[in-house]
Amino acid sequence: MQHHAAGALRDSAVVQGGLLTMGTLSERILGAPAGEYVNREVDVAFAHDGTGVLVRETLREMGVERLPHPERVRLIFDHIVPANTGTTATLQKELREFACACGIPLSDVGGGICHQVMSEGVVLPGQIVVGADSHTCTLGAFGAFATGVGATDMAAIWASGATWFRVPPTIGLHLDGRFTGAAEAKDLALACVGALGMEGATYRALEFVGDGAADISMAGRLTLCNMAVEAGAKTGIFYADAVTLRYLAGFGLSVGVQAPEECCYEREIAFDLADIVPLVAAPHRVDNVRPVTDVAGTPLDQVFVGTCTNGRYEDLERFARIVRGGTVAVRTLVVPASRRVLQRAIETGVLAEIVAAGCIVAPPGCGPCLGAHMGVIGEGEVCLSTANRNFRNRMGVGGEVYLASVATAAASALAGEIAVPEEI
């Protein structure tokens, strides 16, 4: 088993108002109080097949031929895989050649979604992680400061190994109790975005704390941190604890815990997990959150289970458990988040149950989430999706997307309309 320094925090104390105080987890990792500008070495920096093209072109324009730390860099093909056109295929071919020439580790077609691949034994507590994708905040689930940057910024990071940050203020989200009924982490994520609004946490860190946080699985934490950006947040973050240690031990990694300390939150919001019910985000805003009961009976043309929000093994297993023995009443696409997820679903029989229920299984990757291929919806069609965005034309021009949990997706797939999970 590999051992790593617990937390690897840059500085366990920061200066506020001239006094030395303990900070939020983001402040501790970045080593400065909220509002300060800092230059920091980056531990992991990745791009995908879409943004990687722009990173490569920018590096060429900068005249950069060698990267100082290729071992810290990752290139992951996930957004339009397998390639949907000759142009896409050619760009991906050139990116493969670029990665080989620069010594960049490459996760090729079928490896999985960048955020999921990075969660499989790559990102560690206390690290600074940047990705050329807005949902990089997903990886804050490990107690890392993880955030998205633009492709040109990523080129500068690959060329130098470092970047600057303005340390974000933190909103503390206090979680108490446990989920009941069919509620799950996705419903809590929607509740958080609904409470904050799509701009309510702009350039803030969302820190998930409290007794309820300790009971949330790693898959649930990844879901919650993933959707932090839907409220405008710079990152979402959990403290590394026993759940984190057990998860990383499965990849042969040994780390320590991060203990919460006295700190100053800009704002605090409390959630009793027992009060969370199945929710949806109705078209065309992620913060247009309503109980599933309010929209139950809405006819569906498609159900989509997957993405960096809900394509993990725990999600597929839950979906299979609900549809077991039944047949979906509407076309239903299931896309595993990574090859590792797919392989486990095959080995445990979960995939067989999903196929037996009449679902379509696509290769690991983003699938139709960004409206590029493999499940794009037509004008006037309605899709219930476990993804994180339902903006107008997101999955197809003229279509409508409802966002929901895996349990709600399973119940709705069987019913052919939006359905409350408890009713199935």
Protein backbone atom coordinates (compact mmCIF):
# COMPACT_ATOMS: atom_id res chain seq x y z
CA MET A 1 0.00 0.00 0.00
CA GLN A 2 1.31 3.46 -0.91
CA HIS A 3 1.48 5.97 1.93
CA HIS A 4 0.84 9.68 1.53
CA ALA A 5 1.07 12.55 3.99
CA ALA A 6 -2.30 13.10 5.64
CA GLY A 7 -4.00 16.18 4.29
CA ALA A 8 -0.80 17.62 2.80
CA LEU A 9 -2.12 21.02 3.83
CA ARG A 10 -0.03 23.97 2.73
CA ASP A 11 -0.61 25.77 6.00
CA SER A 12 -2.89 24.88 8.88
CA ALA A 13 -3.32 28.49 9.94
CA VAL A 14 -4.08 31.74 8.13
CA VAL A 15 -4.01 35.39 9.09
CA GLN A 16 -7.31 37.23 9.46
CA GLY A 17 -7.56 40.76 10.79
CA GLY A 18 -3.97 40.62 11.97
CA LEU A 19 -4.62 37.54 14.14
CA LEU A 20 -3.46 34.00 13.50
CA THR A 21 -6.57 31.81 13.20
CA MET A 22 -7.48 28.41 11.85
CA GLY A 23 -9.10 28.47 8.46
CA THR A 24 -11.69 26.76 6.32
CA LEU A 25 -10.41 23.74 4.42
CA SER A 26 -9.94 25.79 1.24
CA GLU A 27 -7.96 28.41 3.17
CA ARG A 28 -5.82 25.74 4.77
CA ILE A 29 -5.01 24.03 1.46
CA LEU A 30 -4.26 27.30 -0.35
CA GLY A 31 -2.43 28.65 2.70
CA ALA A 32 -4.05 32.08 2.90
CA PRO A 33 -7.28 33.73 4.11
CA ALA A 34 -10.27 34.36 1.86
CA GLY A 35 -9.74 37.23 -0.55
CA GLU A 36 -5.96 36.85 -0.76
CA TYR A 37 -4.26 36.18 -4.09
CA VAL A 38 -1.75 33.33 -4.05
CA ASN A 39 0.53 31.58 -6.51
CA ARG A 40 0.58 27.83 -5.98
CA GLU A 41 2.09 24.71 -7.50
CA VAL A 42 -0.59 22.48 -8.98
CA ASP A 43 -0.61 18.78 -8.03
CA VAL A 44 -2.83 17.50 -10.85
CA ALA A 45 -3.94 19.28 -14.04
CA PHE A 46 -6.14 17.64 -16.67
CA ALA A 47 -8.05 18.34 -19.86
CA HIS A 48 -10.41 16.29 -22.01
CA ASP A 49 -10.82 15.72 -25.73
CA GLY A 50 -12.78 18.97 -26.13
CA THR A 51 -10.63 21.38 -24.13
CA GLY A 52 -7.41 19.48 -24.84
CA VAL A 53 -7.51 20.65 -28.46
CA LEU A 54 -7.47 24.28 -27.29
CA VAL A 55 -4.74 23.61 -24.73
CA ARG A 56 -2.54 22.06 -27.40
CA GLU A 57 -3.06 24.97 -29.81
CA THR A 58 -2.29 27.54 -27.09
CA LEU A 59 0.92 25.73 -26.13
CA ARG A 60 1.99 25.82 -29.76
CA GLU A 61 1.31 29.55 -29.95
CA MET A 62 3.36 29.99 -26.76
CA GLY A 63 6.23 28.05 -28.33
CA VAL A 64 6.17 25.44 -25.56
CA GLU A 65 7.57 22.10 -26.69
CA ARG A 66 8.37 20.44 -23.34
CA LEU A 67 6.27 20.30 -20.20
CA PRO A 68 8.15 20.62 -16.88
CA HIS A 69 5.89 18.16 -15.03
CA PRO A 70 4.16 15.79 -17.48
CA GLU A 71 3.57 13.36 -14.60
CA ARG A 72 1.16 15.90 -13.04
CA VAL A 73 -0.82 16.19 -16.26
CA ARG A 74 -3.64 14.01 -17.59
CA LEU A 75 -5.50 13.96 -20.91
CA ILE A 76 -8.83 12.13 -20.90
CA PHE A 77 -11.07 11.38 -23.87
CA ASP A 78 -14.68 11.46 -22.68
CA HIS A 79 -16.86 14.15 -24.23
CA ILE A 80 -17.37 12.87 -27.78
CA VAL A 81 -16.26 9.25 -27.68
CA PRO A 82 -16.23 7.25 -29.81
CA ALA A 83 -15.72 10.03 -32.36
CA ASN A 84 -18.94 11.14 -34.08
CA THR A 85 -17.45 12.65 -37.26
CA GLY A 86 -14.26 12.51 -39.32
CA THR A 87 -13.29 15.94 -38.02
CA THR A 88 -13.63 14.81 -34.41
CA ALA A 89 -11.64 11.65 -35.14
CA THR A 90 -8.81 13.64 -36.72
CA LEU A 91 -8.61 16.04 -33.77
CA GLN A 92 -8.49 13.10 -31.37
CA LYS A 93 -5.75 11.46 -33.45
CA GLU A 94 -3.68 14.65 -33.22
CA LEU A 95 -4.26 14.83 -29.45
CA ARG A 96 -3.04 11.25 -29.04
CA GLU A 97 0.13 12.11 -30.92
CA PHE A 98 0.59 15.23 -28.79
CA ALA A 99 0.16 13.28 -25.55
CA CYS A 100 2.68 10.67 -26.70
CA ALA A 101 5.24 13.31 -27.72
CA CYS A 102 4.93 15.16 -24.39
CA GLY A 103 4.77 12.08 -22.15
CA ILE A 104 1.26 12.92 -20.92
CA PRO A 105 -0.70 9.99 -19.45
CA LEU A 106 -3.73 9.42 -21.70
CA SER A 107 -7.08 7.81 -20.87
CA ASP A 108 -8.39 6.96 -24.32
CA VAL A 109 -11.86 6.12 -25.66
CA GLY A 110 -13.84 4.01 -23.20
CA GLY A 111 -11.70 4.89 -20.19
CA GLY A 112 -14.44 7.10 -18.79
CA ILE A 113 -15.40 10.61 -17.77
CA CYS A 114 -12.46 12.75 -16.66
CA HIS A 115 -13.85 13.46 -13.17
CA GLN A 116 -14.58 9.79 -12.54
CA VAL A 117 -11.22 8.62 -13.88
CA MET A 118 -9.48 11.15 -11.62
CA SER A 119 -11.48 9.86 -8.65
CA GLU A 120 -10.16 6.34 -9.11
CA GLY A 121 -6.97 6.56 -7.08
CA VAL A 122 -5.49 9.71 -8.63
CA VAL A 123 -6.65 12.67 -6.49
CA LEU A 124 -5.67 12.77 -2.80
CA PRO A 125 -6.66 14.90 0.22
CA GLY A 126 -4.95 18.27 0.46
CA GLN A 127 -4.00 18.46 -3.20
CA ILE A 128 -4.57 21.39 -5.54
CA VAL A 129 -6.35 20.04 -8.61
CA VAL A 130 -7.35 21.94 -11.74
CA GLY A 131 -9.20 20.70 -14.78
CA ALA A 132 -10.23 22.31 -18.04
CA ASP A 133 -13.85 21.55 -17.25
CA SER A 134 -16.27 23.33 -14.92
CA HIS A 135 -17.19 20.15 -13.02
CA THR A 136 -13.65 19.63 -11.74
CA CYS A 137 -15.09 20.67 -8.37
CA THR A 138 -16.35 17.06 -8.18
CA LEU A 139 -12.95 16.04 -6.81
CA GLY A 140 -13.32 18.20 -3.72
CA ALA A 141 -15.04 15.10 -2.32
CA PHE A 142 -11.56 13.89 -1.36
CA GLY A 143 -10.64 16.96 0.68
CA ALA A 144 -8.74 18.47 -2.25
CA PHE A 145 -9.11 22.02 -3.56
CA ALA A 146 -10.42 21.18 -7.02
CA THR A 147 -11.65 23.73 -9.52
CA GLY A 148 -12.17 24.31 -13.23
CA VAL A 149 -10.15 26.66 -15.41
CA GLY A 150 -10.25 27.75 -19.04
CA ALA A 151 -8.23 26.03 -21.74
CA THR A 152 -5.78 28.93 -22.14
CA ASP A 153 -5.23 29.00 -18.38
CA MET A 154 -4.62 25.26 -18.50
CA ALA A 155 -1.98 25.72 -21.19
CA ALA A 156 -0.12 28.14 -18.89
CA ILE A 157 -0.43 25.65 -16.01
CA TRP A 158 0.93 22.79 -18.12
CA ALA A 159 3.78 25.05 -19.25
CA SER A 160 4.72 26.26 -15.74
CA GLY A 161 3.33 23.75 -13.24
CA ALA A 162 1.66 26.52 -11.23
CA THR A 163 -1.10 29.12 -11.28
CA TRP A 164 -2.68 31.87 -9.20
CA PHE A 165 -5.87 31.76 -7.16
CA ARG A 166 -7.99 34.21 -5.24
CA VAL A 167 -8.81 32.28 -2.09
CA PRO A 168 -12.61 31.97 -2.03
CA PRO A 169 -14.85 32.77 0.93
CA THR A 170 -16.62 29.65 2.18
CA ILE A 171 -20.29 28.88 2.73
CA GLY A 172 -20.73 26.19 5.37
CA LEU A 173 -23.41 23.61 4.60
CA HIS A 174 -24.24 21.79 7.83
CA LEU A 175 -25.73 18.35 7.29
CA ASP A 176 -27.58 16.56 10.09
CA GLY A 177 -29.48 13.28 10.28
CA ARG A 178 -29.77 10.63 7.58
CA PHE A 179 -31.69 10.19 4.34
CA THR A 180 -35.04 8.45 4.59
CA GLY A 181 -37.32 6.85 2.04
CA ALA A 182 -36.06 7.11 -1.53
CA ALA A 183 -34.07 10.35 -1.01
CA GLU A 184 -30.40 10.29 -1.93
CA ALA A 185 -27.41 12.61 -2.38
CA LYS A 186 -28.66 13.88 -5.76
CA ASP A 187 -31.83 15.14 -4.10
CA LEU A 188 -29.73 16.96 -1.51
CA ALA A 189 -27.58 18.45 -4.28
CA LEU A 190 -30.71 19.79 -5.98
CA ALA A 191 -31.95 21.11 -2.63
CA CYS A 192 -28.65 22.97 -2.15
CA VAL A 193 -28.80 24.56 -5.61
CA GLY A 194 -32.45 25.42 -5.06
CA ALA A 195 -31.66 27.10 -1.74
CA LEU A 196 -28.64 29.02 -3.03
CA GLY A 197 -29.82 29.82 -6.55
CA MET A 198 -27.64 29.50 -9.64
CA GLU A 199 -25.64 32.61 -8.69
CA GLY A 200 -25.91 32.33 -4.91
CA ALA A 201 -22.45 30.87 -4.35
CA THR A 202 -20.50 32.63 -7.09
CA TYR A 203 -16.74 32.30 -6.44
CA ARG A 204 -17.40 30.69 -3.06
CA ALA A 205 -16.36 27.32 -1.71
CA LEU A 206 -19.16 25.10 -0.42
CA GLU A 207 -17.91 23.16 2.61
CA PHE A 208 -20.01 20.15 3.61
CA VAL A 209 -19.76 19.52 7.35
CA GLY A 210 -21.73 18.06 10.25
CA ASP A 211 -22.68 14.63 11.51
CA GLY A 212 -24.77 13.98 8.43
CA ALA A 213 -21.77 14.49 6.15
CA ALA A 214 -19.91 11.60 7.77
CA ASP A 215 -22.63 9.14 6.69
CA ILE A 216 -22.60 10.11 3.02
CA SER A 217 -20.81 7.63 0.75
CA MET A 218 -17.95 8.66 -1.51
CA ALA A 219 -20.26 8.36 -4.51
CA GLY A 220 -22.71 10.71 -2.79
CA ARG A 221 -19.95 13.17 -1.93
CA LEU A 222 -18.78 13.22 -5.54
CA THR A 223 -22.35 14.01 -6.60
CA LEU A 224 -22.69 16.87 -4.10
CA CYS A 225 -19.33 18.44 -4.98
CA ASN A 226 -20.05 17.99 -8.68
CA MET A 227 -23.13 20.20 -8.49
CA ALA A 228 -21.49 22.95 -6.42
CA VAL A 229 -20.67 24.79 -9.64
CA GLU A 230 -24.38 24.85 -10.53
CA ALA A 231 -24.74 27.42 -7.74
CA GLY A 232 -21.73 29.30 -9.13
CA ALA A 233 -19.28 27.90 -6.56
CA LYS A 234 -15.54 27.73 -7.16
CA THR A 235 -15.44 24.33 -5.48
CA GLY A 236 -17.35 21.96 -3.23
CA ILE A 237 -15.36 20.20 -0.53
CA PHE A 238 -15.61 17.51 2.15
CA TYR A 239 -13.07 16.83 4.88
CA ALA A 240 -11.18 13.58 4.37
CA ASP A 241 -12.42 11.13 7.00
CA ALA A 242 -12.91 7.41 7.57
CA VAL A 243 -15.07 7.14 4.42
CA THR A 244 -12.28 8.73 2.37
CA LEU A 245 -9.64 6.47 3.87
CA ARG A 246 -11.62 3.30 3.14
CA TYR A 247 -12.31 4.37 -0.42
CA LEU A 248 -8.68 5.22 -1.22
CA ALA A 249 -7.47 2.06 0.51
CA GLY A 250 -9.32 0.21 -2.24
CA PHE A 251 -6.77 1.68 -4.65
CA GLY A 252 -3.82 0.76 -2.42
CA LEU A 253 -3.46 4.30 -1.06
CA SER A 254 -3.00 5.27 2.59
CA VAL A 255 -3.80 8.83 3.72
CA GLY A 256 -4.77 10.58 6.92
CA VAL A 257 -7.88 12.45 7.98
CA GLN A 258 -8.48 16.20 7.88
CA ALA A 259 -10.02 17.47 11.11
CA PRO A 260 -12.34 20.50 10.92
CA GLU A 261 -11.09 23.46 12.96
CA GLU A 262 -12.45 26.76 14.17
CA CYS A 263 -13.05 28.93 11.14
CA CYS A 264 -15.16 31.77 9.82
CA TYR A 265 -17.83 30.98 7.23
CA GLU A 266 -19.24 33.79 5.16
CA ARG A 267 -22.64 32.17 5.53
CA GLU A 268 -24.06 28.96 6.99
CA ILE A 269 -27.03 26.86 5.88
CA ALA A 270 -28.37 23.80 7.69
CA PHE A 271 -30.01 20.77 6.08
CA ASP A 272 -31.71 17.94 7.96
CA LEU A 273 -31.24 14.96 5.66
CA ALA A 274 -34.41 13.36 7.03
CA ASP A 275 -36.38 16.27 5.50
CA ILE A 276 -35.00 15.73 1.99
CA VAL A 277 -37.53 14.26 -0.45
CA PRO A 278 -37.13 13.20 -4.09
CA LEU A 279 -36.73 16.37 -6.16
CA VAL A 280 -36.45 17.44 -9.78
CA ALA A 281 -35.00 20.50 -11.47
CA ALA A 282 -37.58 21.43 -14.08
CA PRO A 283 -36.67 23.08 -17.41
CA HIS A 284 -34.71 25.21 -18.02
CA ARG A 285 -32.78 26.06 -14.83
CA VAL A 286 -30.96 23.90 -12.32
CA ASP A 287 -32.39 25.97 -9.47
CA ASN A 288 -35.98 25.45 -10.68
CA VAL A 289 -36.30 22.76 -8.02
CA ARG A 290 -39.60 21.10 -7.11
CA PRO A 291 -40.72 17.93 -5.33
CA VAL A 292 -41.21 15.05 -7.76
CA THR A 293 -44.83 14.93 -6.61
CA ASP A 294 -45.41 18.33 -8.26
CA VAL A 295 -44.51 17.04 -11.75
CA ALA A 296 -45.47 13.37 -11.44
CA GLY A 297 -47.31 12.16 -14.53
CA THR A 298 -45.31 14.27 -17.00
CA PRO A 299 -44.90 12.05 -20.11
CA LEU A 300 -41.30 11.18 -21.05
CA ASP A 301 -39.59 10.30 -24.32
CA GLN A 302 -36.26 9.33 -22.78
CA VAL A 303 -34.56 8.57 -19.46
CA PHE A 304 -30.79 9.02 -19.18
CA VAL A 305 -28.76 7.54 -16.31
CA GLY A 306 -25.06 8.40 -16.13
CA THR A 307 -22.68 11.39 -16.34
CA CYS A 308 -20.07 12.66 -13.88
CA THR A 309 -22.96 13.29 -11.48
CA ASN A 310 -24.59 9.85 -11.32
CA GLY A 311 -22.78 7.29 -13.47
CA ARG A 312 -20.90 5.49 -10.70
CA TYR A 313 -21.31 1.84 -9.70
CA GLU A 314 -23.44 2.75 -6.68
CA ASP A 315 -25.81 4.56 -9.06
CA LEU A 316 -26.01 1.69 -11.54
CA GLU A 317 -26.58 -0.81 -8.74
CA ARG A 318 -29.43 1.28 -7.29
CA PHE A 319 -31.01 1.66 -10.74
CA ALA A 320 -30.78 -2.09 -11.39
CA ARG A 321 -32.31 -2.91 -8.02
CA ILE A 322 -35.40 -0.81 -8.81
CA VAL A 323 -35.94 -1.99 -12.42
CA ARG A 324 -35.16 -5.65 -11.58
CA GLY A 325 -37.89 -7.91 -12.94
CA GLY A 326 -39.58 -5.09 -14.85
CA THR A 327 -39.41 -3.57 -18.32
CA VAL A 328 -38.84 0.11 -19.01
CA ALA A 329 -41.74 1.84 -20.75
CA VAL A 330 -39.62 4.49 -22.48
CA ARG A 331 -36.22 4.43 -24.19
CA THR A 332 -33.68 4.41 -21.41
CA LEU A 333 -29.96 5.04 -21.84
CA VAL A 334 -27.46 3.94 -19.20
CA VAL A 335 -23.87 5.15 -19.54
CA PRO A 336 -21.26 3.99 -16.98
CA ALA A 337 -18.92 6.75 -15.84
CA SER A 338 -15.75 4.69 -16.40
CA ARG A 339 -14.40 1.38 -17.60
CA ARG A 340 -13.85 0.37 -13.98
CA VAL A 341 -17.53 1.04 -13.25
CA LEU A 342 -18.58 -0.91 -16.34
CA GLN A 343 -16.37 -3.85 -15.45
CA ARG A 344 -17.72 -4.05 -11.91
CA ALA A 345 -21.29 -3.82 -13.18
CA ILE A 346 -20.57 -6.75 -15.51
CA GLU A 347 -18.92 -8.85 -12.80
CA THR A 348 -21.75 -8.37 -10.30
CA GLY A 349 -24.58 -8.94 -12.75
CA VAL A 350 -25.86 -5.36 -12.44
CA LEU A 351 -25.38 -4.72 -16.15
CA ALA A 352 -27.27 -7.88 -17.08
CA GLU A 353 -30.26 -6.73 -14.99
CA ILE A 354 -30.19 -3.31 -16.65
CA VAL A 355 -30.14 -4.85 -20.13
CA ALA A 356 -32.84 -7.36 -19.19
CA ALA A 357 -35.09 -4.44 -18.24
CA GLY A 358 -34.85 -3.15 -21.83
CA CYS A 359 -32.28 -0.40 -21.34
CA ILE A 360 -29.61 0.67 -23.82
CA VAL A 361 -26.04 0.62 -22.48
CA ALA A 362 -23.50 2.95 -24.11
CA PRO A 363 -19.68 3.07 -23.80
CA PRO A 364 -18.22 4.84 -20.74
CA GLY A 365 -18.09 8.59 -21.23
CA CYS A 366 -20.27 11.67 -21.16
CA GLY A 367 -22.81 10.22 -23.59
CA PRO A 368 -25.62 12.60 -24.60
CA CYS A 369 -25.10 14.96 -21.62
CA LEU A 370 -23.63 17.79 -23.68
CA GLY A 371 -25.90 17.22 -26.68
CA ALA A 372 -23.20 15.94 -29.03
CA HIS A 373 -24.24 12.34 -29.77
CA MET A 374 -25.47 8.97 -28.43
CA GLY A 375 -28.86 10.04 -27.15
CA VAL A 376 -29.53 13.61 -28.23
CA ILE A 377 -33.25 14.39 -27.94
CA GLY A 378 -35.40 15.88 -30.68
CA GLU A 379 -37.51 19.03 -30.78
CA GLY A 380 -40.41 18.78 -28.38
CA GLU A 381 -39.05 15.64 -26.67
CA VAL A 382 -38.78 15.39 -22.89
CA CYS A 383 -35.92 13.66 -21.10
CA LEU A 384 -35.48 12.89 -17.41
CA SER A 385 -31.73 12.85 -16.73
CA THR A 386 -29.41 12.20 -13.79
CA ALA A 387 -27.03 14.83 -15.20
CA ASN A 388 -26.28 18.26 -13.74
CA ARG A 389 -27.58 20.73 -16.33
CA ASN A 390 -30.92 21.26 -18.04
CA PHE A 391 -30.35 24.54 -19.87
CA ARG A 392 -32.36 25.22 -23.00
CA ASN A 393 -31.06 23.10 -25.92
CA ARG A 394 -28.57 21.32 -23.63
CA MET A 395 -29.32 17.80 -24.89
CA GLY A 396 -30.92 18.70 -28.20
CA VAL A 397 -32.46 21.76 -29.83
CA GLY A 398 -36.04 22.24 -28.72
CA GLY A 399 -36.02 19.48 -26.10
CA GLU A 400 -36.79 19.70 -22.39
CA VAL A 401 -34.70 18.16 -19.61
CA TYR A 402 -35.72 17.38 -16.04
CA LEU A 403 -32.88 16.59 -13.62
CA ALA A 404 -33.46 13.97 -10.97
CA SER A 405 -31.94 11.23 -8.83
CA VAL A 406 -31.22 7.68 -9.93
CA ALA A 407 -34.18 6.36 -7.92
CA THR A 408 -36.53 8.82 -9.59
CA ALA A 409 -35.03 7.97 -12.99
CA ALA A 410 -35.62 4.25 -12.41
CA ALA A 411 -39.20 4.73 -11.26
CA SER A 412 -39.90 7.04 -14.19
CA ALA A 413 -38.33 4.69 -16.74
CA LEU A 414 -40.67 1.92 -15.63
CA ALA A 415 -43.70 4.21 -15.68
CA GLY A 416 -42.93 6.04 -18.92
CA GLU A 417 -43.62 9.29 -17.11
CA ILE A 418 -42.13 11.17 -14.17
CA ALA A 419 -42.91 9.06 -11.11
CA VAL A 420 -42.23 9.24 -7.38
CA PRO A 421 -39.79 6.42 -6.42
CA GLU A 422 -41.88 5.21 -3.46
CA GLU A 423 -44.75 4.47 -5.81
CA ILE A 424 -42.84 1.74 -7.68
